[in-house]
Amino acid sequence: MIGSDLTERQLDRIIEMAWEDRTPFEAIEFQFGFPEKEVIKIMRGNLKESSFKLWRKRVNSGVSKKHLKMRSSEISRFKCSRQKAISGNKISKR
């Protein structure tokens, strides 16, 4: 099963990032190494069927900006400028 070697915390974070409209699949791949197809499999395996269907409908409807191509060209980053820096999936101290 995809994602079976992840810790519960990592799995929760991937699901959280996938659920957020503002987080593109490319950011998940950059941070965890899972491309869109694997993220979909993770979501399918860890959400209730109805929740998964709602998520897929939202991602495919265009409401969500899960793909960088669909985002405004003015957005050139994965994270908010006020968000703490992340290095190796660990929040670095300032």
PDB file of N, CA and C in Angstrom:
ATOM      1  N   MET A   1       0.848  -1.189   0.000  1.00  0.00           N
ATOM      2  CA  MET A   1       0.000   0.000   0.000  1.00  0.00           C
ATOM      3  C   MET A   1       0.889   1.246   0.000  1.00  0.00           C
ATOM      4  N   ILE A   2       0.526   2.205  -0.806  1.00  0.00           N
ATOM      5  CA  ILE A   2       1.300   3.441  -0.885  1.00  0.00           C
ATOM      6  C   ILE A   2       1.135   4.209   0.410  1.00  0.00           C
ATOM      7  N   GLY A   3       2.237   4.713   0.912  1.00  0.00           N
ATOM      8  CA  GLY A   3       2.199   5.488   2.141  1.00  0.00           C
ATOM      9  C   GLY A   3       2.253   4.656   3.399  1.00  0.00           C
ATOM     10  N   SER A   4       2.380   3.329   3.263  1.00  0.00           N
ATOM     11  CA  SER A   4       2.379   2.471   4.444  1.00  0.00           C
ATOM     12  C   SER A   4       3.642   2.642   5.285  1.00  0.00           C
ATOM     13  N   ASP A   5       4.726   3.160   4.692  1.00  0.00           N
ATOM     14  CA  ASP A   5       5.954   3.362   5.442  1.00  0.00           C
ATOM     15  C   ASP A   5       6.033   4.759   6.058  1.00  0.00           C
ATOM     16  N   LEU A   6       4.955   5.527   5.950  1.00  0.00           N
ATOM     17  CA  LEU A   6       4.907   6.861   6.533  1.00  0.00           C
ATOM     18  C   LEU A   6       4.468   6.797   7.985  1.00  0.00           C
ATOM     19  N   THR A   7       4.939   7.754   8.769  1.00  0.00           N
ATOM     20  CA  THR A   7       4.455   7.850  10.139  1.00  0.00           C
ATOM     21  C   THR A   7       3.043   8.424  10.103  1.00  0.00           C
ATOM     22  N   GLU A   8       2.328   8.288  11.184  1.00  0.00           N
ATOM     23  CA  GLU A   8       0.967   8.825  11.252  1.00  0.00           C
ATOM     24  C   GLU A   8       0.975  10.337  11.054  1.00  0.00           C
ATOM     25  N   ARG A   9       1.979  10.987  11.593  1.00  0.00           N
ATOM     26  CA  ARG A   9       2.090  12.448  11.465  1.00  0.00           C
ATOM     27  C   ARG A   9       2.327  12.855  10.011  1.00  0.00           C
ATOM     28  N   GLN A  10       3.210  12.122   9.308  1.00  0.00           N
ATOM     29  CA  GLN A  10       3.466  12.422   7.899  1.00  0.00           C
ATOM     30  C   GLN A  10       2.215  12.194   7.064  1.00  0.00           C
ATOM     31  N   LEU A  11       1.535  11.096   7.315  1.00  0.00           N
ATOM     32  CA  LEU A  11       0.317  10.781   6.585  1.00  0.00           C
ATOM     33  C   LEU A  11      -0.748  11.855   6.818  1.00  0.00           C
ATOM     34  N   ASP A  12      -0.914  12.279   8.062  1.00  0.00           N
ATOM     35  CA  ASP A  12      -1.867  13.339   8.387  1.00  0.00           C
ATOM     36  C   ASP A  12      -1.515  14.628   7.654  1.00  0.00           C
ATOM     37  N   ARG A  13      -0.230  14.940   7.570  1.00  0.00           N
ATOM     38  CA  ARG A  13       0.203  16.173   6.901  1.00  0.00           C
ATOM     39  C   ARG A  13      -0.048  16.103   5.400  1.00  0.00           C
ATOM     40  N   ILE A  14       0.205  14.954   4.793  1.00  0.00           N
ATOM     41  CA  ILE A  14      -0.060  14.796   3.356  1.00  0.00           C
ATOM     42  C   ILE A  14      -1.549  14.980   3.078  1.00  0.00           C
ATOM     43  N   ILE A  15      -2.394  14.359   3.901  1.00  0.00           N
ATOM     44  CA  ILE A  15      -3.845  14.484   3.725  1.00  0.00           C
ATOM     45  C   ILE A  15      -4.276  15.931   3.926  1.00  0.00           C
ATOM     46  N   GLU A  16      -3.719  16.581   4.932  1.00  0.00           N
ATOM     47  CA  GLU A  16      -4.046  17.984   5.195  1.00  0.00           C
ATOM     48  C   GLU A  16      -3.651  18.862   4.009  1.00  0.00           C
ATOM     49  N   MET A  17      -2.449  18.658   3.489  1.00  0.00           N
ATOM     50  CA  MET A  17      -1.980  19.450   2.346  1.00  0.00           C
ATOM     51  C   MET A  17      -2.834  19.183   1.106  1.00  0.00           C
ATOM     52  N   ALA A  18      -3.213  17.925   0.898  1.00  0.00           N
ATOM     53  CA  ALA A  18      -4.035  17.578  -0.258  1.00  0.00           C
ATOM     54  C   ALA A  18      -5.430  18.186  -0.132  1.00  0.00           C
ATOM     55  N   TRP A  19      -5.933  18.300   1.080  1.00  0.00           N
ATOM     56  CA  TRP A  19      -7.280  18.826   1.302  1.00  0.00           C
ATOM     57  C   TRP A  19      -7.315  20.341   1.109  1.00  0.00           C
ATOM     58  N   GLU A  20      -6.205  21.021   1.399  1.00  0.00           N
ATOM     59  CA  GLU A  20      -6.151  22.478   1.268  1.00  0.00           C
ATOM     60  C   GLU A  20      -6.197  22.879  -0.202  1.00  0.00           C
ATOM     61  N   ASP A  21      -7.042  23.834  -0.521  1.00  0.00           N
ATOM     62  CA  ASP A  21      -7.152  24.303  -1.900  1.00  0.00           C
ATOM     63  C   ASP A  21      -5.886  25.007  -2.371  1.00  0.00           C
ATOM     64  N   ARG A  22      -5.213  25.698  -1.476  1.00  0.00           N
ATOM     65  CA  ARG A  22      -4.077  26.524  -1.885  1.00  0.00           C
ATOM     66  C   ARG A  22      -2.783  25.743  -2.076  1.00  0.00           C
ATOM     67  N   THR A  23      -2.726  24.495  -1.616  1.00  0.00           N
ATOM     68  CA  THR A  23      -1.497  23.710  -1.702  1.00  0.00           C
ATOM     69  C   THR A  23      -1.498  22.874  -2.978  1.00  0.00           C
ATOM     70  N   PRO A  24      -0.577  23.151  -3.904  1.00  0.00           N
ATOM     71  CA  PRO A  24      -0.544  22.373  -5.150  1.00  0.00           C
ATOM     72  C   PRO A  24       0.067  20.987  -4.930  1.00  0.00           C
ATOM     73  N   PHE A  25      -0.271  20.072  -5.824  1.00  0.00           N
ATOM     74  CA  PHE A  25       0.299  18.718  -5.751  1.00  0.00           C
ATOM     75  C   PHE A  25       1.826  18.767  -5.830  1.00  0.00           C
ATOM     76  N   GLU A  26       2.347  19.741  -6.552  1.00  0.00           N
ATOM     77  CA  GLU A  26       3.803  19.865  -6.694  1.00  0.00           C
ATOM     78  C   GLU A  26       4.485  20.130  -5.352  1.00  0.00           C
ATOM     79  N   ALA A  27       3.799  20.843  -4.448  1.00  0.00           N
ATOM     80  CA  ALA A  27       4.366  21.097  -3.121  1.00  0.00           C
ATOM     81  C   ALA A  27       4.432  19.804  -2.311  1.00  0.00           C
ATOM     82  N   ILE A  28       3.422  18.948  -2.457  1.00  0.00           N
ATOM     83  CA  ILE A  28       3.410  17.664  -1.755  1.00  0.00           C
ATOM     84  C   ILE A  28       4.530  16.780  -2.302  1.00  0.00           C
ATOM     85  N   GLU A  29       4.690  16.794  -3.632  1.00  0.00           N
ATOM     86  CA  GLU A  29       5.762  15.999  -4.234  1.00  0.00           C
ATOM     87  C   GLU A  29       7.130  16.522  -3.802  1.00  0.00           C
ATOM     88  N   PHE A  30       7.293  17.840  -3.746  1.00  0.00           N
ATOM     89  CA  PHE A  30       8.557  18.439  -3.327  1.00  0.00           C
ATOM     90  C   PHE A  30       8.896  18.046  -1.895  1.00  0.00           C
ATOM     91  N   GLN A  31       7.906  18.071  -1.013  1.00  0.00           N
ATOM     92  CA  GLN A  31       8.156  17.821   0.406  1.00  0.00           C
ATOM     93  C   GLN A  31       8.216  16.333   0.753  1.00  0.00           C
ATOM     94  N   PHE A  32       7.369  15.513   0.112  1.00  0.00           N
ATOM     95  CA  PHE A  32       7.276  14.105   0.500  1.00  0.00           C
ATOM     96  C   PHE A  32       7.687  13.119  -0.589  1.00  0.00           C
ATOM     97  N   GLY A  33       7.805  13.600  -1.835  1.00  0.00           N
ATOM     98  CA  GLY A  33       8.224  12.725  -2.923  1.00  0.00           C
ATOM     99  C   GLY A  33       7.106  11.924  -3.565  1.00  0.00           C
ATOM    100  N   PHE A  34       5.838  12.287  -3.281  1.00  0.00           N
ATOM    101  CA  PHE A  34       4.705  11.574  -3.864  1.00  0.00           C
ATOM    102  C   PHE A  34       4.086  12.404  -4.981  1.00  0.00           C
ATOM    103  N   PRO A  35       4.085  11.901  -6.220  1.00  0.00           N
ATOM    104  CA  PRO A  35       3.419  12.623  -7.307  1.00  0.00           C
ATOM    105  C   PRO A  35       1.909  12.569  -7.139  1.00  0.00           C
ATOM    106  N   GLU A  36       1.198  13.316  -7.961  1.00  0.00           N
ATOM    107  CA  GLU A  36      -0.261  13.433  -7.843  1.00  0.00           C
ATOM    108  C   GLU A  36      -0.968  12.081  -7.799  1.00  0.00           C
ATOM    109  N   LYS A  37      -0.599  11.147  -8.674  1.00  0.00           N
ATOM    110  CA  LYS A  37      -1.267   9.844  -8.713  1.00  0.00           C
ATOM    111  C   LYS A  37      -1.154   9.105  -7.383  1.00  0.00           C
ATOM    112  N   GLU A  38       0.004   9.198  -6.738  1.00  0.00           N
ATOM    113  CA  GLU A  38       0.187   8.521  -5.454  1.00  0.00           C
ATOM    114  C   GLU A  38      -0.563   9.234  -4.335  1.00  0.00           C
ATOM    115  N   VAL A  39      -0.650  10.566  -4.418  1.00  0.00           N
ATOM    116  CA  VAL A  39      -1.424  11.322  -3.425  1.00  0.00           C
ATOM    117  C   VAL A  39      -2.896  10.918  -3.521  1.00  0.00           C
ATOM    118  N   ILE A  40      -3.388  10.738  -4.739  1.00  0.00           N
ATOM    119  CA  ILE A  40      -4.776  10.311  -4.936  1.00  0.00           C
ATOM    120  C   ILE A  40      -4.983   8.936  -4.308  1.00  0.00           C
ATOM    121  N   LYS A  41      -4.026   8.032  -4.488  1.00  0.00           N
ATOM    122  CA  LYS A  41      -4.137   6.696  -3.889  1.00  0.00           C
ATOM    123  C   LYS A  41      -4.123   6.775  -2.367  1.00  0.00           C
ATOM    124  N   ILE A  42      -3.287   7.653  -1.829  1.00  0.00           N
ATOM    125  CA  ILE A  42      -3.231   7.838  -0.368  1.00  0.00           C
ATOM    126  C   ILE A  42      -4.579   8.355   0.139  1.00  0.00           C
ATOM    127  N   MET A  43      -5.122   9.334  -0.568  1.00  0.00           N
ATOM    128  CA  MET A  43      -6.416   9.898  -0.166  1.00  0.00           C
ATOM    129  C   MET A  43      -7.508   8.836  -0.263  1.00  0.00           C
ATOM    130  N   ARG A  44      -7.513   8.074  -1.334  1.00  0.00           N
ATOM    131  CA  ARG A  44      -8.535   7.029  -1.524  1.00  0.00           C
ATOM    132  C   ARG A  44      -8.466   5.993  -0.402  1.00  0.00           C
ATOM    133  N   GLY A  45      -7.251   5.645   0.016  1.00  0.00           N
ATOM    134  CA  GLY A  45      -7.075   4.616   1.027  1.00  0.00           C
ATOM    135  C   GLY A  45      -7.294   5.075   2.455  1.00  0.00           C
ATOM    136  N   ASN A  46      -7.317   6.406   2.666  1.00  0.00           N
ATOM    137  CA  ASN A  46      -7.405   6.901   4.037  1.00  0.00           C
ATOM    138  C   ASN A  46      -8.632   7.751   4.339  1.00  0.00           C
ATOM    139  N   LEU A  47      -9.441   8.030   3.337  1.00  0.00           N
ATOM    140  CA  LEU A  47     -10.670   8.789   3.563  1.00  0.00           C
ATOM    141  C   LEU A  47     -11.876   7.870   3.387  1.00  0.00           C
ATOM    142  N   LYS A  48     -12.980   8.264   3.995  1.00  0.00           N
ATOM    143  CA  LYS A  48     -14.232   7.562   3.708  1.00  0.00           C
ATOM    144  C   LYS A  48     -14.541   7.774   2.240  1.00  0.00           C
ATOM    145  N   GLU A  49     -15.263   6.838   1.649  1.00  0.00           N
ATOM    146  CA  GLU A  49     -15.565   6.923   0.214  1.00  0.00           C
ATOM    147  C   GLU A  49     -16.253   8.241  -0.143  1.00  0.00           C
ATOM    148  N   SER A  50     -17.208   8.655   0.677  1.00  0.00           N
ATOM    149  CA  SER A  50     -17.935   9.896   0.379  1.00  0.00           C
ATOM    150  C   SER A  50     -17.008  11.114   0.483  1.00  0.00           C
ATOM    151  N   SER A  51     -16.110  11.121   1.449  1.00  0.00           N
ATOM    152  CA  SER A  51     -15.159  12.225   1.594  1.00  0.00           C
ATOM    153  C   SER A  51     -14.200  12.266   0.416  1.00  0.00           C
ATOM    154  N   PHE A  52     -13.746  11.093  -0.014  1.00  0.00           N
ATOM    155  CA  PHE A  52     -12.844  11.026  -1.157  1.00  0.00           C
ATOM    156  C   PHE A  52     -13.532  11.565  -2.411  1.00  0.00           C
ATOM    157  N   LYS A  53     -14.786  11.184  -2.626  1.00  0.00           N
ATOM    158  CA  LYS A  53     -15.521  11.641  -3.810  1.00  0.00           C
ATOM    159  C   LYS A  53     -15.702  13.160  -3.785  1.00  0.00           C
ATOM    160  N   LEU A  54     -16.013  13.718  -2.619  1.00  0.00           N
ATOM    161  CA  LEU A  54     -16.145  15.174  -2.492  1.00  0.00           C
ATOM    162  C   LEU A  54     -14.818  15.870  -2.789  1.00  0.00           C
ATOM    163  N   TRP A  55     -13.727  15.311  -2.283  1.00  0.00           N
ATOM    164  CA  TRP A  55     -12.395  15.888  -2.514  1.00  0.00           C
ATOM    165  C   TRP A  55     -12.047  15.858  -4.000  1.00  0.00           C
ATOM    166  N   ARG A  56     -12.245  14.709  -4.652  1.00  0.00           N
ATOM    167  CA  ARG A  56     -11.924  14.584  -6.085  1.00  0.00           C
ATOM    168  C   ARG A  56     -12.775  15.538  -6.915  1.00  0.00           C
ATOM    169  N   LYS A  57     -14.055  15.660  -6.549  1.00  0.00           N
ATOM    170  CA  LYS A  57     -14.943  16.563  -7.282  1.00  0.00           C
ATOM    171  C   LYS A  57     -14.440  17.997  -7.158  1.00  0.00           C
ATOM    172  N   ARG A  58     -14.022  18.376  -5.953  1.00  0.00           N
ATOM    173  CA  ARG A  58     -13.525  19.730  -5.722  1.00  0.00           C
ATOM    174  C   ARG A  58     -12.220  19.979  -6.475  1.00  0.00           C
ATOM    175  N   VAL A  59     -11.312  19.030  -6.436  1.00  0.00           N
ATOM    176  CA  VAL A  59     -10.021  19.180  -7.119  1.00  0.00           C
ATOM    177  C   VAL A  59     -10.221  19.296  -8.630  1.00  0.00           C
ATOM    178  N   ASN A  60     -11.141  18.512  -9.178  1.00  0.00           N
ATOM    179  CA  ASN A  60     -11.353  18.504 -10.621  1.00  0.00           C
ATOM    180  C   ASN A  60     -12.276  19.616 -11.117  1.00  0.00           C
ATOM    181  N   SER A  61     -12.963  20.307 -10.212  1.00  0.00           N
ATOM    182  CA  SER A  61     -13.934  21.323 -10.615  1.00  0.00           C
ATOM    183  C   SER A  61     -13.289  22.651 -10.991  1.00  0.00           C
ATOM    184  N   GLY A  62     -12.047  22.866 -10.573  1.00  0.00           N
ATOM    185  CA  GLY A  62     -11.401  24.142 -10.832  1.00  0.00           C
ATOM    186  C   GLY A  62     -11.513  25.107  -9.671  1.00  0.00           C
ATOM    187  N   VAL A  63     -12.325  24.779  -8.667  1.00  0.00           N
ATOM    188  CA  VAL A  63     -12.435  25.610  -7.475  1.00  0.00           C
ATOM    189  C   VAL A  63     -11.095  25.597  -6.751  1.00  0.00           C
ATOM    190  N   SER A  64     -10.535  24.412  -6.663  1.00  0.00           N
ATOM    191  CA  SER A  64      -9.245  24.224  -6.016  1.00  0.00           C
ATOM    192  C   SER A  64      -8.139  24.540  -7.010  1.00  0.00           C
ATOM    193  N   LYS A  65      -7.048  25.058  -6.540  1.00  0.00           N
ATOM    194  CA  LYS A  65      -5.907  25.366  -7.407  1.00  0.00           C
ATOM    195  C   LYS A  65      -4.784  24.366  -7.114  1.00  0.00           C
ATOM    196  N   LYS A  66      -5.120  23.069  -7.221  1.00  0.00           N
ATOM    197  CA  LYS A  66      -4.178  22.014  -6.864  1.00  0.00           C
ATOM    198  C   LYS A  66      -3.072  21.834  -7.896  1.00  0.00           C
ATOM    199  N   HIS A  67      -3.205  22.422  -9.060  1.00  0.00           N
ATOM    200  CA  HIS A  67      -2.184  22.294 -10.093  1.00  0.00           C
ATOM    201  C   HIS A  67      -1.559  23.662 -10.345  1.00  0.00           C
ATOM    202  N   LEU A  68      -0.249  23.713 -10.421  1.00  0.00           N
ATOM    203  CA  LEU A  68       0.430  24.986 -10.608  1.00  0.00           C
ATOM    204  C   LEU A  68      -0.036  25.695 -11.872  1.00  0.00           C
ATOM    205  N   LYS A  69      -0.391  24.947 -12.914  1.00  0.00           N
ATOM    206  CA  LYS A  69      -0.837  25.548 -14.171  1.00  0.00           C
ATOM    207  C   LYS A  69      -2.118  26.352 -13.988  1.00  0.00           C
ATOM    208  N   MET A  70      -2.913  25.973 -12.996  1.00  0.00           N
ATOM    209  CA  MET A  70      -4.200  26.634 -12.767  1.00  0.00           C
ATOM    210  C   MET A  70      -4.068  27.844 -11.836  1.00  0.00           C
ATOM    211  N   ARG A  71      -2.912  28.009 -11.227  1.00  0.00           N
ATOM    212  CA  ARG A  71      -2.717  29.108 -10.284  1.00  0.00           C
ATOM    213  C   ARG A  71      -2.341  30.383 -11.013  1.00  0.00           C
ATOM    214  N   SER A  72      -2.560  31.487 -10.361  1.00  0.00           N
ATOM    215  CA  SER A  72      -2.175  32.783 -10.897  1.00  0.00           C
ATOM    216  C   SER A  72      -0.656  32.813 -11.075  1.00  0.00           C
ATOM    217  N   SER A  73      -0.199  33.443 -12.123  1.00  0.00           N
ATOM    218  CA  SER A  73       1.246  33.535 -12.362  1.00  0.00           C
ATOM    219  C   SER A  73       1.925  34.429 -11.331  1.00  0.00           C
ATOM    220  N   GLU A  74       1.135  35.186 -10.589  1.00  0.00           N
ATOM    221  CA  GLU A  74       1.685  36.045  -9.538  1.00  0.00           C
ATOM    222  C   GLU A  74       2.149  35.248  -8.331  1.00  0.00           C
ATOM    223  N   ILE A  75       1.654  34.026  -8.179  1.00  0.00           N
ATOM    224  CA  ILE A  75       2.036  33.169  -7.053  1.00  0.00           C
ATOM    225  C   ILE A  75       3.218  32.318  -7.496  1.00  0.00           C
ATOM    226  N   SER A  76       4.369  32.560  -6.912  1.00  0.00           N
ATOM    227  CA  SER A  76       5.571  31.841  -7.334  1.00  0.00           C
ATOM    228  C   SER A  76       6.178  31.020  -6.202  1.00  0.00           C
ATOM    229  N   ARG A  77       5.401  30.726  -5.175  1.00  0.00           N
ATOM    230  CA  ARG A  77       5.928  29.995  -4.030  1.00  0.00           C
ATOM    231  C   ARG A  77       4.911  28.949  -3.586  1.00  0.00           C
ATOM    232  N   PHE A  78       5.383  27.999  -2.777  1.00  0.00           N
ATOM    233  CA  PHE A  78       4.505  26.965  -2.233  1.00  0.00           C
ATOM    234  C   PHE A  78       3.890  27.385  -0.918  1.00  0.00           C
ATOM    235  N   LYS A  79       4.512  28.349  -0.244  1.00  0.00           N
ATOM    236  CA  LYS A  79       4.054  28.686   1.092  1.00  0.00           C
ATOM    237  C   LYS A  79       3.887  30.185   1.249  1.00  0.00           C
ATOM    238  N   CYS A  80       3.162  30.554   2.255  1.00  0.00           N
ATOM    239  CA  CYS A  80       2.948  31.953   2.578  1.00  0.00           C
ATOM    240  C   CYS A  80       4.277  32.575   3.000  1.00  0.00           C
ATOM    241  N   SER A  81       4.490  33.823   2.654  1.00  0.00           N
ATOM    242  CA  SER A  81       5.734  34.496   3.021  1.00  0.00           C
ATOM    243  C   SER A  81       5.878  34.627   4.534  1.00  0.00           C
ATOM    244  N   ARG A  82       4.766  34.544   5.267  1.00  0.00           N
ATOM    245  CA  ARG A  82       4.814  34.650   6.734  1.00  0.00           C
ATOM    246  C   ARG A  82       4.948  33.294   7.417  1.00  0.00           C
ATOM    247  N   GLN A  83       4.905  32.219   6.641  1.00  0.00           N
ATOM    248  CA  GLN A  83       5.012  30.865   7.193  1.00  0.00           C
ATOM    249  C   GLN A  83       6.456  30.575   7.558  1.00  0.00           C
ATOM    250  N   LYS A  84       6.658  29.799   8.630  1.00  0.00           N
ATOM    251  CA  LYS A  84       8.005  29.434   9.037  1.00  0.00           C
ATOM    252  C   LYS A  84       8.683  28.609   7.957  1.00  0.00           C
ATOM    253  N   ALA A  85       9.980  28.746   7.863  1.00  0.00           N
ATOM    254  CA  ALA A  85      10.736  27.996   6.861  1.00  0.00           C
ATOM    255  C   ALA A  85      10.680  26.506   7.191  1.00  0.00           C
ATOM    256  N   ILE A  86      10.560  25.683   6.156  1.00  0.00           N
ATOM    257  CA  ILE A  86      10.504  24.232   6.332  1.00  0.00           C
ATOM    258  C   ILE A  86      11.710  23.635   5.624  1.00  0.00           C
ATOM    259  N   SER A  87      12.428  22.808   6.335  1.00  0.00           N
ATOM    260  CA  SER A  87      13.599  22.156   5.755  1.00  0.00           C
ATOM    261  C   SER A  87      13.549  20.677   6.095  1.00  0.00           C
ATOM    262  N   GLY A  88      13.529  19.820   5.067  1.00  0.00           N
ATOM    263  CA  GLY A  88      13.484  18.384   5.311  1.00  0.00           C
ATOM    264  C   GLY A  88      12.251  17.954   6.064  1.00  0.00           C
ATOM    265  N   ASN A  89      11.127  18.645   5.824  1.00  0.00           N
ATOM    266  CA  ASN A  89       9.853  18.341   6.475  1.00  0.00           C
ATOM    267  C   ASN A  89       9.888  18.611   7.984  1.00  0.00           C
ATOM    268  N   LYS A  90      10.842  19.391   8.437  1.00  0.00           N
ATOM    269  CA  LYS A  90      10.893  19.783   9.847  1.00  0.00           C
ATOM    270  C   LYS A  90      10.904  21.298   9.908  1.00  0.00           C
ATOM    271  N   ILE A  91      10.145  21.822  10.816  1.00  0.00           N
ATOM    272  CA  ILE A  91      10.098  23.270  10.959  1.00  0.00           C
ATOM    273  C   ILE A  91      11.409  23.734  11.582  1.00  0.00           C
ATOM    274  N   SER A  92      12.092  24.578  10.860  1.00  0.00           N
ATOM    275  CA  SER A  92      13.373  25.042  11.363  1.00  0.00           C
ATOM    276  C   SER A  92      13.179  26.202  12.328  1.00  0.00           C
ATOM    277  N   LYS A  93      14.056  26.285  13.292  1.00  0.00           N
ATOM    278  CA  LYS A  93      13.979  27.354  14.296  1.00  0.00           C
ATOM    279  C   LYS A  93      14.625  28.607  13.750  1.00  0.00           C
ATOM    280  N   ARG A  94      14.109  29.725  14.127  1.00  0.00           N
ATOM    281  CA  ARG A  94      14.665  31.014  13.676  1.00  0.00           C
ATOM    282  C   ARG A  94      15.579  31.571  14.696  1.00  0.00           C
TER     283      ARG A  94
END
